[in-house]
C-alpha atoms as a PDB file:
ATOM      1  CA  MET A   1     -59.319  -2.042 -81.045  1.00  0.00           C
ATOM      2  CA  LEU A   2     -60.221  -0.183 -77.843  1.00  0.00           C
ATOM      3  CA  PHE A   3     -56.814  -0.957 -76.376  1.00  0.00           C
ATOM      4  CA  GLN A   4     -55.084   0.462 -79.460  1.00  0.00           C
ATOM      5  CA  ILE A   5     -57.104   3.684 -79.235  1.00  0.00           C
ATOM      6  CA  PHE A   6     -56.442   3.958 -75.488  1.00  0.00           C
ATOM      7  CA  SER A   7     -52.745   3.249 -76.033  1.00  0.00           C
ATOM      8  CA  LEU A   8     -52.484   5.842 -78.810  1.00  0.00           C
ATOM      9  CA  LEU A   9     -54.194   8.537 -76.756  1.00  0.00           C
ATOM     10  CA  LEU A  10     -51.963   7.807 -73.770  1.00  0.00           C
ATOM     11  CA  GLU A  11     -48.863   7.891 -75.953  1.00  0.00           C
ATOM     12  CA  VAL A  12     -49.837  11.248 -77.473  1.00  0.00           C
ATOM     13  CA  VAL A  13     -50.625  12.864 -74.118  1.00  0.00           C
ATOM     14  CA  ALA A  14     -47.512  11.432 -72.448  1.00  0.00           C
ATOM     15  CA  GLY A  15     -45.393  12.390 -75.454  1.00  0.00           C
ATOM     16  CA  VAL A  16     -46.575  15.994 -75.510  1.00  0.00           C
ATOM     17  CA  ILE A  17     -46.344  16.593 -71.755  1.00  0.00           C
ATOM     18  CA  GLY A  18     -43.181  14.519 -71.249  1.00  0.00           C
ATOM     19  CA  GLY A  19     -41.582  16.100 -74.307  1.00  0.00           C
ATOM     20  CA  ALA A  20     -42.426  19.557 -72.963  1.00  0.00           C
ATOM     21  CA  CYS A  21     -40.793  18.648 -69.640  1.00  0.00           C
ATOM     22  CA  LEU A  22     -37.657  17.504 -71.469  1.00  0.00           C
ATOM     23  CA  LEU A  23     -37.673  20.645 -73.604  1.00  0.00           C
ATOM     24  CA  ARG A  24     -37.949  22.707 -70.426  1.00  0.00           C
ATOM     25  CA  LEU A  25     -34.973  20.835 -68.968  1.00  0.00           C
ATOM     26  CA  TYR A  26     -32.867  21.387 -72.080  1.00  0.00           C
ATOM     27  CA  MET A  27     -33.898  25.008 -72.633  1.00  0.00           C
ATOM     28  CA  GLN A  28     -33.023  25.862 -69.042  1.00  0.00           C
ATOM     29  CA  HIS A  29     -29.690  24.068 -69.390  1.00  0.00           C
ATOM     30  CA  GLN A  30     -28.946  26.084 -72.536  1.00  0.00           C
ATOM     31  CA  ARG A  31     -30.070  29.236 -70.688  1.00  0.00           C
ATOM     32  CA  VAL A  32     -32.676  30.059 -73.298  1.00  0.00           C
ATOM     33  CA  PRO A  33     -34.846  32.921 -72.008  1.00  0.00           C
ATOM     34  CA  MET A  34     -38.320  31.507 -71.452  1.00  0.00           C
ATOM     35  CA  ALA A  35     -40.163  34.242 -69.537  1.00  0.00           C
ATOM     36  CA  ALA A  36     -43.134  36.015 -71.081  1.00  0.00           C
ATOM     37  CA  ARG A  37     -41.147  39.219 -71.548  1.00  0.00           C
ATOM     38  CA  SER A  38     -38.457  37.408 -73.582  1.00  0.00           C
ATOM     39  CA  GLY A  39     -40.692  37.088 -76.643  1.00  0.00           C
ATOM     40  CA  ASN A  40     -40.182  33.313 -76.697  1.00  0.00           C
ATOM     41  CA  PRO A  41     -43.581  31.764 -77.520  1.00  0.00           C
ATOM     42  CA  LEU A  42     -42.210  28.241 -77.159  1.00  0.00           C
ATOM     43  CA  GLY A  43     -40.989  29.006 -73.638  1.00  0.00           C
ATOM     44  CA  ARG A  44     -44.417  30.306 -72.632  1.00  0.00           C
ATOM     45  CA  PHE A  45     -46.042  27.179 -74.096  1.00  0.00           C
ATOM     46  CA  VAL A  46     -43.611  24.876 -72.269  1.00  0.00           C
ATOM     47  CA  PHE A  47     -44.189  26.676 -68.961  1.00  0.00           C
ATOM     48  CA  ALA A  48     -47.958  26.558 -69.394  1.00  0.00           C
ATOM     49  CA  LEU A  49     -47.855  22.842 -70.143  1.00  0.00           C
ATOM     50  CA  THR A  50     -45.436  21.791 -67.393  1.00  0.00           C
ATOM     51  CA  ASP A  51     -45.687  24.195 -64.449  1.00  0.00           C
ATOM     52  CA  TRP A  52     -48.419  22.138 -62.764  1.00  0.00           C
ATOM     53  CA  LEU A  53     -46.028  19.213 -62.405  1.00  0.00           C
ATOM     54  CA  VAL A  54     -42.506  20.650 -62.352  1.00  0.00           C
ATOM     55  CA  LEU A  55     -43.007  23.437 -59.804  1.00  0.00           C
ATOM     56  CA  PRO A  56     -44.301  21.157 -57.003  1.00  0.00           C
ATOM     57  CA  LEU A  57     -41.495  18.671 -57.728  1.00  0.00           C
ATOM     58  CA  ARG A  58     -38.894  21.397 -57.236  1.00  0.00           C
ATOM     59  CA  ARG A  59     -39.701  21.366 -53.531  1.00  0.00           C
ATOM     60  CA  PHE A  60     -38.301  17.826 -53.324  1.00  0.00           C
ATOM     61  CA  VAL A  61     -35.936  17.530 -56.288  1.00  0.00           C
ATOM     62  CA  PRO A  62     -33.084  20.052 -56.325  1.00  0.00           C
ATOM     63  CA  ALA A  63     -31.329  21.160 -59.468  1.00  0.00           C
ATOM     64  CA  ALA A  64     -27.909  19.743 -60.292  1.00  0.00           C
ATOM     65  CA  GLY A  65     -25.953  22.695 -61.582  1.00  0.00           C
ATOM     66  CA  ARG A  66     -27.702  23.915 -64.724  1.00  0.00           C
ATOM     67  CA  TRP A  67     -29.809  20.737 -64.954  1.00  0.00           C
ATOM     68  CA  ASP A  68     -33.387  21.098 -63.681  1.00  0.00           C
ATOM     69  CA  LEU A  69     -33.823  17.575 -62.332  1.00  0.00           C
ATOM     70  CA  ALA A  70     -37.454  18.268 -61.414  1.00  0.00           C
ATOM     71  CA  SER A  71     -38.237  18.412 -65.139  1.00  0.00           C
ATOM     72  CA  LEU A  72     -36.500  15.075 -65.666  1.00  0.00           C
ATOM     73  CA  VAL A  73     -38.357  13.487 -62.762  1.00  0.00           C
ATOM     74  CA  ALA A  74     -41.607  14.919 -64.161  1.00  0.00           C
ATOM     75  CA  THR A  75     -40.892  13.248 -67.499  1.00  0.00           C
ATOM     76  CA  PHE A  76     -40.237   9.943 -65.762  1.00  0.00           C
ATOM     77  CA  LEU A  77     -43.468  10.258 -63.758  1.00  0.00           C
ATOM     78  CA  ILE A  78     -45.449  10.956 -66.933  1.00  0.00           C
ATOM     79  CA  GLU A  79     -43.956   7.885 -68.608  1.00  0.00           C
ATOM     80  CA  LEU A  80     -44.533   5.830 -65.459  1.00  0.00           C
ATOM     81  CA  ALA A  81     -48.183   6.912 -65.388  1.00  0.00           C
ATOM     82  CA  GLN A  82     -48.571   5.991 -69.063  1.00  0.00           C
ATOM     83  CA  TYR A  83     -47.152   2.492 -68.662  1.00  0.00           C
ATOM     84  CA  SER A  84     -48.935   1.965 -65.330  1.00  0.00           C
ATOM     85  CA  LEU A  85     -52.284   2.737 -66.951  1.00  0.00           C
ATOM     86  CA  LEU A  86     -51.509   0.376 -69.824  1.00  0.00           C
ATOM     87  CA  TRP A  87     -50.403  -2.269 -67.328  1.00  0.00           C
ATOM     88  CA  ALA A  88     -53.601  -1.836 -65.301  1.00  0.00           C
ATOM     89  CA  TYR A  89     -55.729  -1.931 -68.460  1.00  0.00           C
ATOM     90  CA  THR A  90     -54.189  -5.122 -69.779  1.00  0.00           C
ATOM     91  CA  SER A  91     -53.316  -6.783 -66.456  1.00  0.00           C
ATOM     92  CA  PHE A  92     -51.218  -9.260 -68.400  1.00  0.00           C
ATOM     93  CA  GLY A  93     -49.391 -10.474 -65.331  1.00  0.00           C
ATOM     94  CA  ALA A  94     -46.155  -8.564 -65.721  1.00  0.00           C
ATOM     95  CA  SER A  95     -44.574  -7.199 -62.573  1.00  0.00           C
ATOM     96  CA  PHE A  96     -44.486  -3.527 -61.678  1.00  0.00           C
ATOM     97  CA  GLY A  97     -40.703  -3.740 -62.157  1.00  0.00           C
ATOM     98  CA  THR A  98     -41.415  -4.216 -65.855  1.00  0.00           C
ATOM     99  CA  VAL A  99     -43.430  -1.002 -65.800  1.00  0.00           C
ATOM    100  CA  LEU A 100     -40.491   0.853 -64.211  1.00  0.00           C
ATOM    101  CA  ILE A 101     -38.137  -0.463 -66.901  1.00  0.00           C
ATOM    102  CA  LEU A 102     -40.562   0.570 -69.636  1.00  0.00           C
ATOM    103  CA  ALA A 103     -40.819   4.057 -68.120  1.00  0.00           C
ATOM    104  CA  VAL A 104     -37.031   4.493 -68.158  1.00  0.00           C
ATOM    105  CA  PHE A 105     -36.865   3.356 -71.764  1.00  0.00           C
ATOM    106  CA  GLY A 106     -39.812   5.641 -72.525  1.00  0.00           C
ATOM    107  CA  VAL A 107     -37.879   8.674 -71.272  1.00  0.00           C
ATOM    108  CA  VAL A 108     -34.874   7.798 -73.447  1.00  0.00           C
ATOM    109  CA  LYS A 109     -37.190   7.275 -76.453  1.00  0.00           C
ATOM    110  CA  LEU A 110     -38.672  10.714 -75.826  1.00  0.00           C
ATOM    111  CA  VAL A 111     -35.191  12.242 -75.798  1.00  0.00           C
ATOM    112  CA  ILE A 112     -34.343  10.600 -79.128  1.00  0.00           C
ATOM    113  CA  SER A 113     -37.693  11.516 -80.699  1.00  0.00           C
ATOM    114  CA  GLY A 114     -37.431  15.086 -79.461  1.00  0.00           C
ATOM    115  CA  LEU A 115     -33.942  15.491 -80.904  1.00  0.00           C
ATOM    116  CA  ILE A 116     -35.087  14.032 -84.215  1.00  0.00           C
ATOM    117  CA  GLY A 117     -37.939  16.539 -84.327  1.00  0.00           C
ATOM    118  CA  LEU A 118     -35.670  19.471 -83.457  1.00  0.00           C
ATOM    119  CA  VAL A 119     -33.109  18.496 -86.098  1.00  0.00           C
ATOM    120  CA  ILE A 120     -35.770  18.135 -88.805  1.00  0.00           C
ATOM    121  CA  VAL A 121     -37.255  21.546 -87.963  1.00  0.00           C
ATOM    122  CA  TYR A 122     -33.732  22.999 -87.871  1.00  0.00           C
ATOM    123  CA  ALA A 123     -32.919  21.593 -91.324  1.00  0.00           C
ATOM    124  CA  VAL A 124     -36.145  22.886 -92.860  1.00  0.00           C
ATOM    125  CA  LEU A 125     -35.691  26.335 -91.316  1.00  0.00           C
ATOM    126  CA  SER A 126     -32.102  26.450 -92.575  1.00  0.00           C
ATOM    127  CA  TRP A 127     -33.359  26.022 -96.137  1.00  0.00           C
ATOM    128  CA  VAL A 128     -35.967  28.766 -95.732  1.00  0.00           C
ATOM    129  CA  GLN A 129     -33.600  31.290 -94.121  1.00  0.00           C
ATOM    130  CA  SER A 130     -36.257  32.691 -91.816  1.00  0.00           C
ATOM    131  CA  ASN A 131     -35.206  35.272 -89.257  1.00  0.00           C
ATOM    132  CA  THR A 132     -37.749  34.575 -86.553  1.00  0.00           C
ATOM    133  CA  VAL A 133     -37.582  34.039 -82.822  1.00  0.00           C
ATOM    134  CA  LEU A 134     -38.445  30.374 -83.366  1.00  0.00           C
ATOM    135  CA  SER A 135     -35.648  29.743 -85.880  1.00  0.00           C
ATOM    136  CA  ASP A 136     -33.127  31.411 -83.558  1.00  0.00           C
ATOM    137  CA  LEU A 137     -34.394  29.274 -80.686  1.00  0.00           C
ATOM    138  CA  ILE A 138     -34.187  26.026 -82.672  1.00  0.00           C
ATOM    139  CA  ASP A 139     -30.679  26.960 -83.832  1.00  0.00           C
ATOM    140  CA  ARG A 140     -29.639  27.608 -80.238  1.00  0.00           C
ATOM    141  CA  LEU A 141     -30.970  24.204 -79.161  1.00  0.00           C
ATOM    142  CA  VAL A 142     -29.572  22.141 -82.043  1.00  0.00           C
ATOM    143  CA  ALA A 143     -26.172  23.810 -82.552  1.00  0.00           C
ATOM    144  CA  PRO A 144     -24.542  22.277 -79.426  1.00  0.00           C
ATOM    145  CA  VAL A 145     -25.573  18.790 -80.535  1.00  0.00           C
ATOM    146  CA  LEU A 146     -24.324  19.344 -84.086  1.00  0.00           C
ATOM    147  CA  ALA A 147     -21.003  20.928 -83.044  1.00  0.00           C
ATOM    148  CA  PRO A 148     -19.087  17.655 -82.451  1.00  0.00           C
ATOM    149  CA  ILE A 149     -20.341  16.219 -85.745  1.00  0.00           C
ATOM    150  CA  ARG A 150     -19.360  19.358 -87.662  1.00  0.00           C
ATOM    151  CA  ARG A 151     -15.760  18.813 -86.582  1.00  0.00           C
ATOM    152  CA  PHE A 152     -15.668  15.549 -88.544  1.00  0.00           C
ATOM    153  CA  VAL A 153     -18.132  16.162 -91.389  1.00  0.00           C
ATOM    154  CA  PRO A 154     -16.975  18.867 -93.799  1.00  0.00           C
ATOM    155  CA  LEU A 155     -19.271  20.980 -95.937  1.00  0.00           C
ATOM    156  CA  VAL A 156     -19.988  19.252 -99.245  1.00  0.00           C
ATOM    157  CA  GLY A 157     -20.498  21.783-102.020  1.00  0.00           C
ATOM    158  CA  GLY A 158     -21.455  24.373 -99.421  1.00  0.00           C
ATOM    159  CA  VAL A 159     -24.086  22.083 -97.890  1.00  0.00           C
ATOM    160  CA  ASP A 160     -23.936  21.176 -94.206  1.00  0.00           C
ATOM    161  CA  LEU A 161     -24.547  17.437 -93.916  1.00  0.00           C
ATOM    162  CA  SER A 162     -24.175  17.319 -90.125  1.00  0.00           C
ATOM    163  CA  PRO A 163     -27.987  17.319 -89.520  1.00  0.00           C
ATOM    164  CA  LEU A 164     -28.297  14.286 -91.804  1.00  0.00           C
ATOM    165  CA  VAL A 165     -25.466  12.504 -89.966  1.00  0.00           C
ATOM    166  CA  LEU A 166     -27.105  13.307 -86.624  1.00  0.00           C
ATOM    167  CA  LEU A 167     -30.465  11.979 -87.852  1.00  0.00           C
ATOM    168  CA  VAL A 168     -28.822   8.708 -88.921  1.00  0.00           C
ATOM    169  CA  LEU A 169     -27.042   8.432 -85.557  1.00  0.00           C
ATOM    170  CA  LEU A 170     -30.309   9.065 -83.710  1.00  0.00           C
ATOM    171  CA  GLN A 171     -32.055   6.390 -85.773  1.00  0.00           C
ATOM    172  CA  VAL A 172     -29.264   3.945 -84.937  1.00  0.00           C
ATOM    173  CA  ALA A 173     -29.620   4.894 -81.257  1.00  0.00           C
ATOM    174  CA  ALA A 174     -33.377   4.222 -81.472  1.00  0.00           C
ATOM    175  CA  ILE A 175     -32.730   0.775 -82.968  1.00  0.00           C
ATOM    176  CA  VAL A 176     -30.159  -0.056 -80.282  1.00  0.00           C
ATOM    177  CA  LEU A 177     -32.533   1.204 -77.591  1.00  0.00           C
ATOM    178  CA  GLY A 178     -35.323  -1.027 -78.927  1.00  0.00           C
ATOM    179  CA  HIS A 179     -32.982  -4.006 -78.859  1.00  0.00           C
ATOM    180  CA  LEU A 180     -31.838  -3.208 -75.303  1.00  0.00           C
ATOM    181  CA  GLN A 181     -35.441  -2.817 -74.205  1.00  0.00           C
ATOM    182  CA  GLY A 182     -36.238  -6.240 -75.625  1.00  0.00           C
ATOM    183  CA  LEU A 183     -33.297  -7.746 -73.781  1.00  0.00           C
ATOM    184  CA  ALA A 184     -34.234  -6.029 -70.523  1.00  0.00           C
ATOM    185  CA  LEU A 185     -37.783  -7.350 -70.669  1.00  0.00           C
ATOM    186  CA  GLN A 186     -36.874 -10.979 -71.321  1.00  0.00           C
END
């Protein structure tokens, strides 16, 4: 029971901080204004949550074009810390190489989970027709991912089914990732 509580708390903390690092990476790639003067509350939240880790990493990890690799490395380090703590707590005899593999898979799981969350929020906000800074931001983040799907999935009765198709594809990717993780750990 204690291990399950410890594991849950670690997963929540790593998910929030790692997810914020990934969101920072993606928002900077999409050139979403994130400064305080931009009126973007999500950007301010992401900066507040990740600056302590990403800014020092930038001294050692350069950007690759529009990709802020320091944010990606920060996400990996958060996942590595999570699985290292679980490994130390259980000390079940697995090698540290297993922990590294789990951390890599953890980052990919965070990407999939984050996209699923963004698409769900996008779909709900599209039904509500809210004209807020947050809905514009979510639209700006999700639209590039939906664009290739929209080329193949037509509107059905005026309804855009591309978010549903993307959600199904992301679920399939999560299943495949789980299977690959199982194979990698054998």
